[in-house]
Amino acid sequence: MRLFAATLLIASGLSAGAAGQEGADCDQAYKSMQSTIERKKPRLSAQAQLALERIALRLYHACGTGHLEQPGELFKKLDGTRH
């Protein structure tokens, strides 16, 4: 759980105060992360899966409101976390 809390803090810290980028492809980055979560599902515990989905959804919402400069980068960092 500490890993997920740290990941969430990193994601929210990186997104704080960032200006939205015109044409940011939030949908594609989110869908890509969802397919990654589906692929990792057999190796993840229920808590780990839920945490990843919640963080991905928060990143998606931040991207949609224009608070993320580069949404793909944060989704890649989330994908790179150990689970």
C-alpha atoms as a PDB file:
ATOM      1  CA  MET A   1       0.000   0.000   0.000  1.00  0.00           C
ATOM      2  CA  ARG A   2       2.897   2.357   0.622  1.00  0.00           C
ATOM      3  CA  LEU A   3       3.957   1.969  -2.998  1.00  0.00           C
ATOM      4  CA  PHE A   4       0.542   2.998  -4.240  1.00  0.00           C
ATOM      5  CA  ALA A   5       0.384   5.960  -1.893  1.00  0.00           C
ATOM      6  CA  ALA A   6       3.824   7.063  -3.057  1.00  0.00           C
ATOM      7  CA  THR A   7       2.811   6.651  -6.690  1.00  0.00           C
ATOM      8  CA  LEU A   8      -0.301   8.713  -6.121  1.00  0.00           C
ATOM      9  CA  LEU A   9       1.710  11.451  -4.421  1.00  0.00           C
ATOM     10  CA  ILE A  10       4.207  11.507  -7.269  1.00  0.00           C
ATOM     11  CA  ALA A  11       1.454  11.660  -9.860  1.00  0.00           C
ATOM     12  CA  SER A  12      -0.417  14.426  -8.096  1.00  0.00           C
ATOM     13  CA  GLY A  13       2.798  16.341  -7.409  1.00  0.00           C
ATOM     14  CA  LEU A  14       3.806  16.210 -11.033  1.00  0.00           C
ATOM     15  CA  SER A  15       0.398  17.323 -12.187  1.00  0.00           C
ATOM     16  CA  ALA A  16      -0.013  20.189  -9.719  1.00  0.00           C
ATOM     17  CA  GLY A  17       0.057  23.535 -11.393  1.00  0.00           C
ATOM     18  CA  ALA A  18       0.831  22.214 -14.854  1.00  0.00           C
ATOM     19  CA  ALA A  19      -0.910  23.888 -17.742  1.00  0.00           C
ATOM     20  CA  GLY A  20      -3.012  21.714 -20.021  1.00  0.00           C
ATOM     21  CA  GLN A  21      -1.503  20.943 -23.394  1.00  0.00           C
ATOM     22  CA  GLU A  22      -3.660  21.556 -26.453  1.00  0.00           C
ATOM     23  CA  GLY A  23      -4.594  18.316 -28.158  1.00  0.00           C
ATOM     24  CA  ALA A  24      -3.438  16.121 -25.277  1.00  0.00           C
ATOM     25  CA  ASP A  25      -4.669  12.620 -25.998  1.00  0.00           C
ATOM     26  CA  CYS A  26      -6.065  11.703 -22.617  1.00  0.00           C
ATOM     27  CA  ASP A  27      -8.375   9.016 -23.934  1.00  0.00           C
ATOM     28  CA  GLN A  28      -5.654   7.080 -25.713  1.00  0.00           C
ATOM     29  CA  ALA A  29      -3.283   7.239 -22.728  1.00  0.00           C
ATOM     30  CA  TYR A  30      -6.044   6.060 -20.374  1.00  0.00           C
ATOM     31  CA  LYS A  31      -7.147   3.224 -22.666  1.00  0.00           C
ATOM     32  CA  SER A  32      -3.549   2.103 -23.027  1.00  0.00           C
ATOM     33  CA  MET A  33      -3.154   2.031 -19.243  1.00  0.00           C
ATOM     34  CA  GLN A  34      -6.396   0.062 -18.886  1.00  0.00           C
ATOM     35  CA  SER A  35      -5.160  -2.564 -21.340  1.00  0.00           C
ATOM     36  CA  THR A  36      -1.895  -2.753 -19.379  1.00  0.00           C
ATOM     37  CA  ILE A  37      -3.833  -3.319 -16.159  1.00  0.00           C
ATOM     38  CA  GLU A  38      -5.884  -6.043 -17.886  1.00  0.00           C
ATOM     39  CA  ARG A  39      -2.690  -7.709 -19.097  1.00  0.00           C
ATOM     40  CA  LYS A  40      -1.196  -7.641 -15.582  1.00  0.00           C
ATOM     41  CA  LYS A  41      -4.411  -8.784 -13.909  1.00  0.00           C
ATOM     42  CA  PRO A  42      -3.319 -12.399 -13.271  1.00  0.00           C
ATOM     43  CA  ARG A  43      -0.242 -11.180 -11.344  1.00  0.00           C
ATOM     44  CA  LEU A  44      -1.994  -8.447  -9.353  1.00  0.00           C
ATOM     45  CA  SER A  45      -3.811  -8.743  -6.088  1.00  0.00           C
ATOM     46  CA  ALA A  46      -7.295  -7.261  -5.932  1.00  0.00           C
ATOM     47  CA  GLN A  47      -5.990  -4.311  -3.906  1.00  0.00           C
ATOM     48  CA  ALA A  48      -3.170  -3.632  -6.364  1.00  0.00           C
ATOM     49  CA  GLN A  49      -5.529  -3.756  -9.315  1.00  0.00           C
ATOM     50  CA  LEU A  50      -8.002  -1.407  -7.658  1.00  0.00           C
ATOM     51  CA  ALA A  51      -5.256   1.033  -6.694  1.00  0.00           C
ATOM     52  CA  LEU A  52      -3.893   1.125 -10.245  1.00  0.00           C
ATOM     53  CA  GLU A  53      -7.350   1.684 -11.693  1.00  0.00           C
ATOM     54  CA  ARG A  54      -8.086   4.507  -9.259  1.00  0.00           C
ATOM     55  CA  ILE A  55      -4.777   6.261  -9.923  1.00  0.00           C
ATOM     56  CA  ALA A  56      -5.249   5.887 -13.680  1.00  0.00           C
ATOM     57  CA  LEU A  57      -8.745   7.354 -13.416  1.00  0.00           C
ATOM     58  CA  ARG A  58      -7.464  10.303 -11.366  1.00  0.00           C
ATOM     59  CA  LEU A  59      -4.774  10.950 -13.972  1.00  0.00           C
ATOM     60  CA  TYR A  60      -7.412  10.763 -16.704  1.00  0.00           C
ATOM     61  CA  HIS A  61      -9.618  13.314 -14.931  1.00  0.00           C
ATOM     62  CA  ALA A  62      -6.659  15.633 -14.342  1.00  0.00           C
ATOM     63  CA  CYS A  63      -5.767  15.351 -17.998  1.00  0.00           C
ATOM     64  CA  GLY A  64      -9.332  16.084 -19.099  1.00  0.00           C
ATOM     65  CA  THR A  65      -9.437  19.256 -17.030  1.00  0.00           C
ATOM     66  CA  GLY A  66      -6.133  20.440 -18.468  1.00  0.00           C
ATOM     67  CA  HIS A  67      -4.003  19.972 -15.365  1.00  0.00           C
ATOM     68  CA  LEU A  68      -1.499  17.603 -16.981  1.00  0.00           C
ATOM     69  CA  GLU A  69       1.112  18.767 -19.406  1.00  0.00           C
ATOM     70  CA  GLN A  70       2.140  15.325 -20.661  1.00  0.00           C
ATOM     71  CA  PRO A  71      -0.384  12.657 -19.682  1.00  0.00           C
ATOM     72  CA  GLY A  72       1.436   9.855 -21.476  1.00  0.00           C
ATOM     73  CA  GLU A  73       4.523  10.338 -19.311  1.00  0.00           C
ATOM     74  CA  LEU A  74       2.596   9.916 -16.062  1.00  0.00           C
ATOM     75  CA  PHE A  75       0.782   6.849 -17.345  1.00  0.00           C
ATOM     76  CA  LYS A  76       4.156   5.371 -18.339  1.00  0.00           C
ATOM     77  CA  LYS A  77       5.501   6.065 -14.840  1.00  0.00           C
ATOM     78  CA  LEU A  78       2.439   4.425 -13.345  1.00  0.00           C
ATOM     79  CA  ASP A  79       2.968   1.419 -15.600  1.00  0.00           C
ATOM     80  CA  GLY A  80       6.608   1.235 -14.498  1.00  0.00           C
ATOM     81  CA  THR A  81       5.808   0.898 -10.812  1.00  0.00           C
ATOM     82  CA  ARG A  82       6.428  -2.483  -9.232  1.00  0.00           C
ATOM     83  CA  HIS A  83       3.276  -4.491  -8.462  1.00  0.00           C
END
